[in-house]
């Protein structure tokens, strides 16, 4: 817990760094950042995000915190699928629902829905949270890949309940998966400065 708090305490400093805000020093890489954390500390991170967004609001940044789970609820409700989805999940389970919703909730459609709603080109940056509640309907690496096509040059931070090795995302720190995704760690475990972008 102490190590996590030390890392959380560095997030504001990293976001306020002009090199983060301007995507400076990233070469041709897209400005996508991941803050990974132990899934069992989800409530601590949620509380921190509220604290962080309050501070960022007061400092006048143009940003939005997109809760991925709430986005899925909104998408299903807008298509009249929400109640049917709840009923079907009780009957068939989450994996069957994932297969059923593969079309309406494709990662591409989720990314496009988010972009249309938030208009990222008008923002300084975007925060993404709520992934743990949305799993397995949303997979971190798949959503980030889809968002690459719609975010333009707006930096994005994904709060990830699991482990990010710098190459692979491991949901909840327990599920082994081969899901290579190239992003930058916002605050490494040792708290040192990030190599990419020299933040």
N, C-alpha and C. Protein backbone atom coordinates (compact mmCIF):
# COMPACT_ATOMS: atom_id res chain seq x y z
N UNK A 1 0.82 -1.21 0.00
CA UNK A 1 0.00 0.00 0.00
C UNK A 1 0.86 1.26 0.00
N UNK A 2 1.95 1.24 0.77
CA UNK A 2 2.82 2.41 0.83
C UNK A 2 3.46 2.68 -0.52
N UNK A 3 3.88 1.60 -1.20
CA UNK A 3 4.50 1.76 -2.52
C UNK A 3 3.50 2.34 -3.51
N UNK A 4 2.25 1.85 -3.46
CA UNK A 4 1.23 2.38 -4.36
C UNK A 4 0.98 3.85 -4.07
N UNK A 5 0.88 4.23 -2.81
CA UNK A 5 0.62 5.63 -2.47
C UNK A 5 1.75 6.52 -2.98
N UNK A 6 2.98 6.05 -2.87
CA UNK A 6 4.12 6.83 -3.37
C UNK A 6 4.00 7.07 -4.86
N UNK A 7 3.54 6.05 -5.59
CA UNK A 7 3.35 6.19 -7.04
C UNK A 7 2.18 7.10 -7.36
N UNK A 8 1.08 6.96 -6.61
CA UNK A 8 -0.07 7.84 -6.83
C UNK A 8 0.32 9.31 -6.62
N UNK A 9 1.17 9.55 -5.64
CA UNK A 9 1.58 10.92 -5.33
C UNK A 9 2.37 11.57 -6.46
N UNK A 10 2.89 10.78 -7.39
CA UNK A 10 3.68 11.31 -8.50
C UNK A 10 2.84 11.58 -9.75
N UNK A 11 1.59 11.12 -9.77
CA UNK A 11 0.79 11.22 -11.00
C UNK A 11 0.57 12.67 -11.41
N UNK A 12 0.17 13.52 -10.49
CA UNK A 12 -0.12 14.91 -10.83
C UNK A 12 1.10 15.58 -11.44
N UNK A 13 2.26 15.35 -10.84
CA UNK A 13 3.50 15.93 -11.36
C UNK A 13 3.76 15.47 -12.79
N UNK A 14 3.51 14.19 -13.06
CA UNK A 14 3.75 13.66 -14.42
C UNK A 14 2.78 14.26 -15.42
N UNK A 15 1.51 14.38 -15.03
CA UNK A 15 0.51 14.92 -15.96
C UNK A 15 0.77 16.40 -16.25
N UNK A 16 1.23 17.13 -15.25
CA UNK A 16 1.46 18.56 -15.43
C UNK A 16 2.76 18.87 -16.16
N UNK A 17 3.57 17.88 -16.40
CA UNK A 17 4.82 18.09 -17.12
C UNK A 17 4.50 18.48 -18.57
N UNK A 18 5.06 19.59 -19.06
CA UNK A 18 4.78 20.02 -20.44
C UNK A 18 5.10 18.94 -21.48
N UNK A 19 6.06 18.07 -21.16
CA UNK A 19 6.41 17.02 -22.13
C UNK A 19 5.29 16.00 -22.24
N UNK A 20 4.55 15.75 -21.15
CA UNK A 20 3.38 14.89 -21.22
C UNK A 20 2.28 15.59 -22.03
N UNK A 21 2.00 16.83 -21.68
CA UNK A 21 0.89 17.55 -22.31
C UNK A 21 1.12 17.78 -23.80
N UNK A 22 2.38 17.90 -24.21
CA UNK A 22 2.69 18.18 -25.62
C UNK A 22 3.19 16.96 -26.38
N UNK A 23 3.19 15.78 -25.72
CA UNK A 23 3.72 14.56 -26.36
C UNK A 23 5.15 14.75 -26.84
N UNK A 24 5.92 15.57 -26.15
CA UNK A 24 7.30 15.83 -26.55
C UNK A 24 8.20 14.65 -26.22
N UNK A 25 9.16 14.39 -27.09
CA UNK A 25 10.18 13.38 -26.84
C UNK A 25 9.72 11.96 -27.02
N UNK A 26 8.55 11.76 -27.62
CA UNK A 26 8.04 10.40 -27.81
C UNK A 26 8.34 9.85 -29.19
N UNK A 27 9.09 10.60 -30.01
CA UNK A 27 9.34 10.15 -31.37
C UNK A 27 8.03 10.10 -32.13
N UNK A 28 7.80 9.01 -32.81
CA UNK A 28 6.54 8.84 -33.53
C UNK A 28 5.51 8.08 -32.71
N UNK A 29 5.83 7.82 -31.45
CA UNK A 29 4.92 7.05 -30.60
C UNK A 29 3.72 7.89 -30.21
N UNK A 30 2.57 7.24 -30.07
CA UNK A 30 1.36 7.93 -29.63
C UNK A 30 1.44 8.12 -28.11
N UNK A 31 0.88 9.21 -27.60
CA UNK A 31 1.01 9.55 -26.18
C UNK A 31 0.02 8.81 -25.30
N UNK A 32 0.14 7.49 -25.27
CA UNK A 32 -0.70 6.66 -24.41
C UNK A 32 0.13 6.18 -23.24
N UNK A 33 -0.42 6.37 -22.04
CA UNK A 33 0.28 6.05 -20.80
C UNK A 33 -0.57 5.10 -19.97
N UNK A 34 0.09 4.25 -19.20
CA UNK A 34 -0.62 3.29 -18.35
C UNK A 34 -0.13 3.46 -16.90
N UNK A 35 -1.09 3.57 -16.01
CA UNK A 35 -0.78 3.50 -14.58
C UNK A 35 -1.37 2.19 -14.09
N UNK A 36 -0.51 1.20 -13.89
CA UNK A 36 -0.99 -0.10 -13.41
C UNK A 36 -0.93 -0.14 -11.88
N UNK A 37 -1.80 -0.95 -11.31
CA UNK A 37 -1.88 -1.04 -9.85
C UNK A 37 -2.51 -2.37 -9.47
N UNK A 38 -2.26 -2.85 -8.24
CA UNK A 38 -2.87 -4.11 -7.81
C UNK A 38 -4.40 -3.98 -7.77
N UNK A 39 -5.08 -4.93 -8.39
CA UNK A 39 -6.54 -4.87 -8.47
C UNK A 39 -7.19 -4.79 -7.09
N UNK A 40 -6.55 -5.38 -6.09
CA UNK A 40 -7.14 -5.36 -4.74
C UNK A 40 -7.14 -3.95 -4.14
N UNK A 41 -6.41 -3.03 -4.78
CA UNK A 41 -6.37 -1.64 -4.31
C UNK A 41 -7.30 -0.73 -5.13
N UNK A 42 -8.27 -1.34 -5.79
CA UNK A 42 -9.19 -0.60 -6.66
C UNK A 42 -9.86 0.58 -5.94
N UNK A 43 -10.34 0.37 -4.73
CA UNK A 43 -11.05 1.44 -4.03
C UNK A 43 -10.12 2.60 -3.67
N UNK A 44 -8.87 2.27 -3.36
CA UNK A 44 -7.88 3.31 -3.07
C UNK A 44 -7.66 4.16 -4.32
N UNK A 45 -7.52 3.49 -5.46
CA UNK A 45 -7.27 4.21 -6.71
C UNK A 45 -8.49 5.03 -7.12
N UNK A 46 -9.67 4.50 -6.92
CA UNK A 46 -10.89 5.27 -7.23
C UNK A 46 -10.94 6.55 -6.42
N UNK A 47 -10.65 6.43 -5.13
CA UNK A 47 -10.64 7.63 -4.28
C UNK A 47 -9.58 8.62 -4.76
N UNK A 48 -8.42 8.09 -5.15
CA UNK A 48 -7.36 8.96 -5.63
C UNK A 48 -7.78 9.69 -6.91
N UNK A 49 -8.44 8.98 -7.83
CA UNK A 49 -8.86 9.61 -9.09
C UNK A 49 -9.81 10.77 -8.82
N UNK A 50 -10.71 10.60 -7.84
CA UNK A 50 -11.60 11.73 -7.47
C UNK A 50 -10.78 12.92 -6.99
N UNK A 51 -9.81 12.64 -6.14
CA UNK A 51 -8.92 13.69 -5.61
C UNK A 51 -8.15 14.35 -6.76
N UNK A 52 -7.62 13.53 -7.67
CA UNK A 52 -6.83 14.03 -8.80
C UNK A 52 -7.68 14.91 -9.71
N UNK A 53 -8.88 14.44 -10.06
CA UNK A 53 -9.72 15.22 -10.97
C UNK A 53 -10.14 16.55 -10.34
N UNK A 54 -10.38 16.56 -9.04
CA UNK A 54 -10.69 17.82 -8.36
C UNK A 54 -9.54 18.81 -8.50
N UNK A 55 -8.32 18.32 -8.30
CA UNK A 55 -7.14 19.20 -8.39
C UNK A 55 -6.96 19.70 -9.82
N UNK A 56 -7.11 18.80 -10.79
CA UNK A 56 -6.92 19.19 -12.19
C UNK A 56 -7.98 20.18 -12.63
N UNK A 57 -9.21 20.00 -12.14
CA UNK A 57 -10.29 20.95 -12.43
C UNK A 57 -9.93 22.35 -11.91
N UNK A 58 -9.47 22.39 -10.67
CA UNK A 58 -9.14 23.67 -10.05
C UNK A 58 -8.00 24.36 -10.77
N UNK A 59 -7.13 23.58 -11.41
CA UNK A 59 -5.98 24.16 -12.11
C UNK A 59 -6.31 24.52 -13.56
N UNK A 60 -7.56 24.28 -13.95
CA UNK A 60 -8.02 24.78 -15.24
C UNK A 60 -7.72 23.92 -16.46
N UNK A 61 -7.36 22.67 -16.25
CA UNK A 61 -7.10 21.80 -17.40
C UNK A 61 -8.39 21.40 -18.08
N UNK A 62 -8.33 21.24 -19.40
CA UNK A 62 -9.47 20.72 -20.16
C UNK A 62 -9.24 19.21 -20.32
N UNK A 63 -9.99 18.42 -19.58
CA UNK A 63 -9.80 16.98 -19.62
C UNK A 63 -11.11 16.32 -19.25
N UNK A 64 -11.15 15.01 -19.41
CA UNK A 64 -12.31 14.24 -18.96
C UNK A 64 -11.82 12.89 -18.46
N UNK A 65 -12.50 12.40 -17.41
CA UNK A 65 -12.24 11.05 -16.93
C UNK A 65 -13.36 10.17 -17.46
N UNK A 66 -13.04 9.28 -18.37
CA UNK A 66 -14.03 8.38 -18.96
C UNK A 66 -14.04 7.09 -18.16
N UNK A 67 -15.19 6.78 -17.55
CA UNK A 67 -15.35 5.51 -16.87
C UNK A 67 -15.84 4.49 -17.91
N UNK A 68 -15.01 3.50 -18.19
CA UNK A 68 -15.31 2.56 -19.27
C UNK A 68 -16.58 1.76 -18.98
N UNK A 69 -16.75 1.34 -17.74
CA UNK A 69 -17.95 0.57 -17.38
C UNK A 69 -19.21 1.40 -17.60
N UNK A 70 -19.19 2.64 -17.15
CA UNK A 70 -20.36 3.52 -17.34
C UNK A 70 -20.61 3.77 -18.83
N UNK A 71 -19.54 3.81 -19.62
CA UNK A 71 -19.68 3.99 -21.06
C UNK A 71 -20.41 2.80 -21.68
N UNK A 72 -20.07 1.58 -21.24
CA UNK A 72 -20.77 0.39 -21.75
C UNK A 72 -22.26 0.44 -21.42
N UNK A 73 -22.57 0.82 -20.18
CA UNK A 73 -23.97 0.93 -19.75
C UNK A 73 -24.70 1.93 -20.65
N UNK A 74 -24.06 3.06 -20.90
CA UNK A 74 -24.66 4.10 -21.72
C UNK A 74 -24.88 3.61 -23.16
N UNK A 75 -23.91 2.89 -23.70
CA UNK A 75 -24.04 2.37 -25.06
C UNK A 75 -25.19 1.37 -25.17
N UNK A 76 -25.27 0.46 -24.20
CA UNK A 76 -26.34 -0.54 -24.23
C UNK A 76 -27.70 0.10 -24.03
N UNK A 77 -27.79 1.06 -23.13
CA UNK A 77 -29.06 1.75 -22.88
C UNK A 77 -29.52 2.51 -24.11
N UNK A 78 -28.59 3.14 -24.82
CA UNK A 78 -28.95 3.93 -26.00
C UNK A 78 -29.50 3.06 -27.12
N UNK A 79 -29.19 1.78 -27.09
CA UNK A 79 -29.68 0.86 -28.12
C UNK A 79 -30.81 -0.03 -27.61
N UNK A 80 -31.26 0.24 -26.38
CA UNK A 80 -32.36 -0.54 -25.83
C UNK A 80 -31.97 -1.97 -25.48
N UNK A 81 -30.69 -2.19 -25.20
CA UNK A 81 -30.19 -3.54 -24.95
C UNK A 81 -29.86 -3.81 -23.48
N UNK A 82 -29.96 -2.80 -22.64
CA UNK A 82 -29.44 -2.94 -21.27
C UNK A 82 -30.20 -3.99 -20.46
N UNK A 83 -31.50 -3.88 -20.38
CA UNK A 83 -32.28 -4.83 -19.56
C UNK A 83 -32.17 -6.25 -20.11
N UNK A 84 -32.19 -6.37 -21.44
CA UNK A 84 -32.06 -7.70 -22.05
C UNK A 84 -30.70 -8.31 -21.74
N UNK A 85 -29.68 -7.46 -21.70
CA UNK A 85 -28.33 -7.94 -21.38
C UNK A 85 -28.27 -8.45 -19.95
N UNK A 86 -28.85 -7.70 -19.01
CA UNK A 86 -28.87 -8.14 -17.62
C UNK A 86 -29.57 -9.50 -17.48
N UNK A 87 -30.73 -9.63 -18.14
CA UNK A 87 -31.49 -10.88 -18.05
C UNK A 87 -30.71 -12.04 -18.64
N UNK A 88 -30.11 -11.78 -19.78
CA UNK A 88 -29.37 -12.86 -20.46
C UNK A 88 -28.13 -13.27 -19.68
N UNK A 89 -27.48 -12.30 -19.05
CA UNK A 89 -26.29 -12.63 -18.26
C UNK A 89 -26.64 -13.57 -17.12
N UNK A 90 -27.78 -13.34 -16.47
CA UNK A 90 -28.22 -14.23 -15.38
C UNK A 90 -28.45 -15.65 -15.89
N UNK A 91 -28.95 -15.76 -17.10
CA UNK A 91 -29.26 -17.08 -17.67
C UNK A 91 -28.03 -17.80 -18.21
N UNK A 92 -27.14 -17.06 -18.86
CA UNK A 92 -26.07 -17.71 -19.63
C UNK A 92 -24.66 -17.46 -19.12
N UNK A 93 -24.46 -16.43 -18.30
CA UNK A 93 -23.13 -16.13 -17.78
C UNK A 93 -22.40 -15.07 -18.60
N UNK A 94 -21.29 -14.59 -18.05
CA UNK A 94 -20.55 -13.47 -18.63
C UNK A 94 -19.94 -13.82 -19.98
N UNK A 95 -19.37 -15.02 -20.10
CA UNK A 95 -18.68 -15.37 -21.34
C UNK A 95 -19.65 -15.42 -22.51
N UNK A 96 -20.85 -15.95 -22.28
CA UNK A 96 -21.87 -15.98 -23.34
C UNK A 96 -22.28 -14.56 -23.72
N UNK A 97 -22.40 -13.70 -22.73
CA UNK A 97 -22.75 -12.30 -23.00
C UNK A 97 -21.65 -11.64 -23.82
N UNK A 98 -20.42 -11.95 -23.49
CA UNK A 98 -19.29 -11.36 -24.24
C UNK A 98 -19.42 -11.72 -25.72
N UNK A 99 -19.73 -12.98 -26.00
CA UNK A 99 -19.89 -13.40 -27.39
C UNK A 99 -21.09 -12.72 -28.05
N UNK A 100 -22.20 -12.62 -27.31
CA UNK A 100 -23.41 -12.00 -27.84
C UNK A 100 -23.18 -10.52 -28.17
N UNK A 101 -22.40 -9.84 -27.32
CA UNK A 101 -22.21 -8.39 -27.49
C UNK A 101 -20.95 -8.04 -28.28
N UNK A 102 -20.31 -9.05 -28.87
CA UNK A 102 -19.08 -8.79 -29.63
C UNK A 102 -19.31 -7.77 -30.74
N UNK A 103 -20.49 -7.78 -31.34
CA UNK A 103 -20.80 -6.81 -32.39
C UNK A 103 -21.13 -5.44 -31.84
N UNK A 104 -22.20 -5.34 -31.02
CA UNK A 104 -22.59 -4.02 -30.50
C UNK A 104 -21.53 -3.35 -29.64
N UNK A 105 -20.71 -4.16 -28.94
CA UNK A 105 -19.68 -3.59 -28.08
C UNK A 105 -18.28 -3.94 -28.59
N UNK A 106 -18.09 -3.91 -29.88
CA UNK A 106 -16.74 -4.13 -30.40
C UNK A 106 -15.85 -3.01 -29.89
N UNK A 107 -14.56 -3.28 -29.74
CA UNK A 107 -13.65 -2.28 -29.21
C UNK A 107 -13.64 -1.04 -30.11
N UNK A 108 -13.79 -1.25 -31.42
CA UNK A 108 -13.83 -0.14 -32.37
C UNK A 108 -15.04 0.75 -32.10
N UNK A 109 -16.20 0.15 -31.88
CA UNK A 109 -17.41 0.93 -31.62
C UNK A 109 -17.32 1.66 -30.28
N UNK A 110 -16.73 1.00 -29.29
CA UNK A 110 -16.55 1.67 -27.98
C UNK A 110 -15.65 2.89 -28.15
N UNK A 111 -14.53 2.71 -28.87
CA UNK A 111 -13.59 3.82 -29.09
C UNK A 111 -14.27 4.96 -29.83
N UNK A 112 -15.04 4.63 -30.86
CA UNK A 112 -15.72 5.68 -31.64
C UNK A 112 -16.78 6.39 -30.79
N UNK A 113 -17.49 5.63 -29.95
CA UNK A 113 -18.50 6.22 -29.06
C UNK A 113 -17.84 7.20 -28.09
N UNK A 114 -16.71 6.78 -27.51
CA UNK A 114 -15.98 7.64 -26.58
C UNK A 114 -15.53 8.92 -27.28
N UNK A 115 -14.91 8.76 -28.46
CA UNK A 115 -14.38 9.93 -29.17
C UNK A 115 -15.47 10.90 -29.56
N UNK A 116 -16.61 10.37 -30.02
CA UNK A 116 -17.72 11.24 -30.41
C UNK A 116 -18.26 12.01 -29.21
N UNK A 117 -18.27 11.36 -28.07
CA UNK A 117 -18.81 11.99 -26.86
C UNK A 117 -17.87 13.05 -26.28
N UNK A 118 -16.58 12.77 -26.27
CA UNK A 118 -15.65 13.66 -25.56
C UNK A 118 -14.93 14.66 -26.46
N UNK A 119 -14.91 14.41 -27.78
CA UNK A 119 -14.20 15.31 -28.70
C UNK A 119 -12.76 15.54 -28.23
N UNK A 120 -11.90 14.51 -28.32
CA UNK A 120 -10.56 14.59 -27.73
C UNK A 120 -9.68 15.72 -28.25
N UNK A 121 -9.91 16.15 -29.48
CA UNK A 121 -9.06 17.21 -30.03
C UNK A 121 -9.21 18.53 -29.26
N UNK A 122 -10.29 18.68 -28.52
CA UNK A 122 -10.52 19.91 -27.74
C UNK A 122 -9.99 19.80 -26.32
N UNK A 123 -9.38 18.66 -25.96
CA UNK A 123 -8.94 18.41 -24.59
C UNK A 123 -7.43 18.42 -24.46
N UNK A 124 -6.97 18.72 -23.24
CA UNK A 124 -5.53 18.63 -22.96
C UNK A 124 -5.09 17.18 -22.81
N UNK A 125 -5.96 16.34 -22.24
CA UNK A 125 -5.67 14.92 -22.05
C UNK A 125 -6.95 14.22 -21.64
N UNK A 126 -6.88 12.88 -21.63
CA UNK A 126 -8.03 12.05 -21.26
C UNK A 126 -7.55 11.02 -20.23
N UNK A 127 -8.36 10.81 -19.20
CA UNK A 127 -8.14 9.74 -18.23
C UNK A 127 -9.16 8.65 -18.49
N UNK A 128 -8.73 7.39 -18.42
CA UNK A 128 -9.63 6.25 -18.58
C UNK A 128 -9.58 5.42 -17.31
N UNK A 129 -10.75 5.13 -16.74
CA UNK A 129 -10.83 4.30 -15.54
C UNK A 129 -12.01 3.35 -15.68
N UNK A 130 -12.23 2.51 -14.67
CA UNK A 130 -13.38 1.60 -14.67
C UNK A 130 -13.20 0.35 -15.51
N UNK A 131 -11.96 0.06 -15.91
CA UNK A 131 -11.73 -1.11 -16.77
C UNK A 131 -12.03 -2.42 -16.05
N UNK A 132 -11.70 -2.49 -14.75
CA UNK A 132 -11.91 -3.73 -14.00
C UNK A 132 -13.37 -4.16 -14.02
N UNK A 133 -14.29 -3.21 -13.86
CA UNK A 133 -15.73 -3.53 -13.88
C UNK A 133 -16.20 -3.94 -15.27
N UNK A 134 -15.53 -3.44 -16.29
CA UNK A 134 -15.95 -3.71 -17.67
C UNK A 134 -15.36 -5.00 -18.23
N UNK A 135 -14.35 -5.57 -17.56
CA UNK A 135 -13.71 -6.80 -18.03
C UNK A 135 -14.65 -7.98 -17.79
N UNK A 136 -14.78 -8.96 -18.70
CA UNK A 136 -14.01 -9.18 -19.92
C UNK A 136 -14.65 -8.60 -21.18
N UNK A 137 -15.70 -7.77 -21.04
CA UNK A 137 -16.31 -7.17 -22.24
C UNK A 137 -15.34 -6.22 -22.92
N UNK A 138 -14.48 -5.62 -22.13
CA UNK A 138 -13.46 -4.73 -22.67
C UNK A 138 -12.10 -5.24 -22.23
N UNK A 139 -11.19 -5.36 -23.17
CA UNK A 139 -9.81 -5.74 -22.88
C UNK A 139 -8.93 -4.51 -23.10
N UNK A 140 -8.06 -4.26 -22.14
CA UNK A 140 -7.25 -3.04 -22.17
C UNK A 140 -6.49 -2.84 -23.46
N UNK A 141 -5.75 -3.86 -23.90
CA UNK A 141 -4.91 -3.68 -25.09
C UNK A 141 -5.75 -3.48 -26.34
N UNK A 142 -6.90 -4.17 -26.41
CA UNK A 142 -7.77 -4.03 -27.59
C UNK A 142 -8.39 -2.63 -27.65
N UNK A 143 -8.84 -2.13 -26.50
CA UNK A 143 -9.44 -0.80 -26.48
C UNK A 143 -8.39 0.27 -26.80
N UNK A 144 -7.20 0.16 -26.24
CA UNK A 144 -6.15 1.14 -26.54
C UNK A 144 -5.82 1.13 -28.03
N UNK A 145 -5.74 -0.06 -28.62
CA UNK A 145 -5.46 -0.15 -30.06
C UNK A 145 -6.54 0.56 -30.87
N UNK A 146 -7.81 0.36 -30.49
CA UNK A 146 -8.91 1.01 -31.20
C UNK A 146 -8.90 2.52 -30.99
N UNK A 147 -8.52 2.96 -29.79
CA UNK A 147 -8.49 4.40 -29.50
C UNK A 147 -7.40 5.12 -30.26
N UNK A 148 -6.36 4.42 -30.67
CA UNK A 148 -5.28 5.05 -31.43
C UNK A 148 -5.81 5.74 -32.68
N UNK A 149 -6.86 5.18 -33.27
CA UNK A 149 -7.40 5.72 -34.52
C UNK A 149 -8.26 6.96 -34.32
N UNK A 150 -8.66 7.24 -33.07
CA UNK A 150 -9.64 8.32 -32.85
C UNK A 150 -9.15 9.41 -31.88
N UNK A 151 -8.03 9.19 -31.22
CA UNK A 151 -7.58 10.15 -30.20
C UNK A 151 -6.74 11.29 -30.77
N UNK A 152 -6.27 11.15 -31.98
CA UNK A 152 -5.39 12.18 -32.52
C UNK A 152 -4.13 12.29 -31.70
N UNK A 153 -3.76 13.51 -31.33
CA UNK A 153 -2.52 13.72 -30.56
C UNK A 153 -2.80 13.99 -29.09
N UNK A 154 -4.03 13.75 -28.66
CA UNK A 154 -4.38 14.01 -27.26
C UNK A 154 -3.83 12.91 -26.36
N UNK A 155 -3.01 13.25 -25.36
CA UNK A 155 -2.48 12.23 -24.44
C UNK A 155 -3.60 11.53 -23.67
N UNK A 156 -3.36 10.28 -23.34
CA UNK A 156 -4.35 9.46 -22.64
C UNK A 156 -3.66 8.65 -21.55
N UNK A 157 -4.29 8.57 -20.38
CA UNK A 157 -3.79 7.73 -19.28
C UNK A 157 -4.85 6.68 -18.95
N UNK A 158 -4.46 5.42 -19.02
CA UNK A 158 -5.34 4.32 -18.61
C UNK A 158 -4.94 3.87 -17.21
N UNK A 159 -5.90 3.90 -16.28
CA UNK A 159 -5.69 3.32 -14.95
C UNK A 159 -6.02 1.84 -15.08
N UNK A 160 -4.99 1.00 -14.89
CA UNK A 160 -5.11 -0.42 -15.24
C UNK A 160 -5.01 -1.32 -14.01
N UNK A 161 -6.10 -2.03 -13.66
CA UNK A 161 -6.07 -2.94 -12.51
C UNK A 161 -5.39 -4.26 -12.87
N UNK A 162 -4.10 -4.28 -12.74
CA UNK A 162 -3.32 -5.45 -13.11
C UNK A 162 -1.87 -5.05 -13.23
N UNK A 163 -1.16 -5.74 -14.10
CA UNK A 163 0.27 -5.44 -14.27
C UNK A 163 0.56 -5.14 -15.73
N UNK A 164 1.37 -4.12 -15.94
CA UNK A 164 1.85 -3.79 -17.28
C UNK A 164 3.36 -3.92 -17.26
N UNK A 165 3.86 -4.85 -18.04
CA UNK A 165 5.30 -5.14 -18.03
C UNK A 165 6.09 -4.15 -18.89
N UNK A 166 5.39 -3.30 -19.60
CA UNK A 166 6.05 -2.46 -20.60
C UNK A 166 5.86 -3.05 -21.99
N UNK A 167 5.36 -4.28 -21.99
CA UNK A 167 5.05 -4.96 -23.26
C UNK A 167 3.67 -5.60 -23.23
N UNK A 168 3.36 -6.28 -22.12
CA UNK A 168 2.10 -7.02 -22.02
C UNK A 168 1.27 -6.53 -20.84
N UNK A 169 -0.04 -6.57 -21.03
CA UNK A 169 -0.98 -6.25 -19.96
C UNK A 169 -1.50 -7.54 -19.36
N UNK A 170 -1.44 -7.66 -18.03
CA UNK A 170 -1.91 -8.85 -17.34
C UNK A 170 -3.08 -8.46 -16.43
N UNK A 171 -4.31 -8.75 -16.88
CA UNK A 171 -5.48 -8.33 -16.08
C UNK A 171 -5.43 -8.87 -14.66
N UNK A 172 -5.65 -7.99 -13.70
CA UNK A 172 -5.73 -8.33 -12.27
C UNK A 172 -4.44 -8.93 -11.73
N UNK A 173 -3.37 -8.91 -12.54
CA UNK A 173 -2.09 -9.45 -12.10
C UNK A 173 -2.09 -10.96 -11.95
N UNK A 174 -3.13 -11.62 -12.44
CA UNK A 174 -3.25 -13.07 -12.27
C UNK A 174 -3.41 -13.79 -13.59
N UNK A 175 -3.90 -13.11 -14.61
CA UNK A 175 -4.24 -13.78 -15.86
C UNK A 175 -3.12 -13.59 -16.85
N UNK A 176 -2.48 -14.68 -17.22
CA UNK A 176 -1.41 -14.62 -18.21
C UNK A 176 -2.03 -14.43 -19.58
N UNK A 177 -1.52 -13.47 -20.32
CA UNK A 177 -2.04 -13.27 -21.66
C UNK A 177 -0.95 -12.70 -22.55
N UNK A 178 -0.99 -13.08 -23.80
CA UNK A 178 -0.06 -12.56 -24.80
C UNK A 178 -0.79 -11.45 -25.53
N UNK A 179 -0.65 -10.26 -25.02
CA UNK A 179 -1.40 -9.15 -25.59
C UNK A 179 -0.50 -7.93 -25.71
N UNK A 180 0.53 -8.05 -26.50
CA UNK A 180 1.51 -6.98 -26.65
C UNK A 180 0.83 -5.65 -26.95
N UNK A 181 1.22 -4.64 -26.18
CA UNK A 181 0.76 -3.29 -26.48
C UNK A 181 1.85 -2.33 -26.07
N UNK A 182 2.18 -1.41 -26.95
CA UNK A 182 3.25 -0.46 -26.70
C UNK A 182 2.67 0.84 -26.15
N UNK A 183 2.89 1.08 -24.88
CA UNK A 183 2.53 2.34 -24.25
C UNK A 183 3.64 2.66 -23.25
N UNK A 184 3.50 3.75 -22.55
CA UNK A 184 4.50 4.15 -21.57
C UNK A 184 3.92 4.03 -20.18
N UNK A 185 4.77 3.63 -19.23
CA UNK A 185 4.33 3.58 -17.83
C UNK A 185 4.40 5.00 -17.26
N UNK A 186 3.28 5.45 -16.72
CA UNK A 186 3.25 6.82 -16.21
C UNK A 186 4.14 6.97 -14.99
N UNK A 187 4.07 6.00 -14.07
CA UNK A 187 4.93 6.02 -12.88
C UNK A 187 5.41 4.59 -12.64
N UNK A 188 6.67 4.30 -12.98
CA UNK A 188 7.20 2.95 -12.74
C UNK A 188 7.19 2.62 -11.25
N UNK A 189 7.32 1.33 -10.94
CA UNK A 189 7.26 0.87 -9.55
C UNK A 189 8.33 1.50 -8.68
N UNK A 190 9.49 1.78 -9.27
CA UNK A 190 10.57 2.36 -8.47
C UNK A 190 10.44 3.87 -8.35
N UNK A 191 9.43 4.44 -9.03
CA UNK A 191 9.19 5.88 -8.93
C UNK A 191 10.19 6.72 -9.71
N UNK A 192 11.12 6.08 -10.43
CA UNK A 192 12.12 6.84 -11.17
C UNK A 192 11.50 7.53 -12.37
N UNK A 193 12.25 8.44 -12.92
CA UNK A 193 11.79 9.13 -14.11
C UNK A 193 11.61 8.13 -15.23
N UNK A 194 10.69 8.43 -16.11
CA UNK A 194 10.39 7.56 -17.23
C UNK A 194 11.41 7.80 -18.33
N UNK A 195 11.93 6.74 -18.94
CA UNK A 195 12.86 6.90 -20.02
C UNK A 195 12.19 7.55 -21.22
N UNK A 196 11.06 6.99 -21.66
CA UNK A 196 10.36 7.50 -22.82
C UNK A 196 9.82 8.88 -22.52
N UNK A 197 10.25 9.85 -23.28
CA UNK A 197 9.72 11.19 -23.07
C UNK A 197 10.43 11.95 -21.96
N UNK A 198 11.29 11.29 -21.19
CA UNK A 198 12.04 11.94 -20.12
C UNK A 198 11.18 12.78 -19.20
N UNK A 199 10.05 12.24 -18.79
CA UNK A 199 9.21 12.99 -17.85
C UNK A 199 9.84 12.98 -16.47
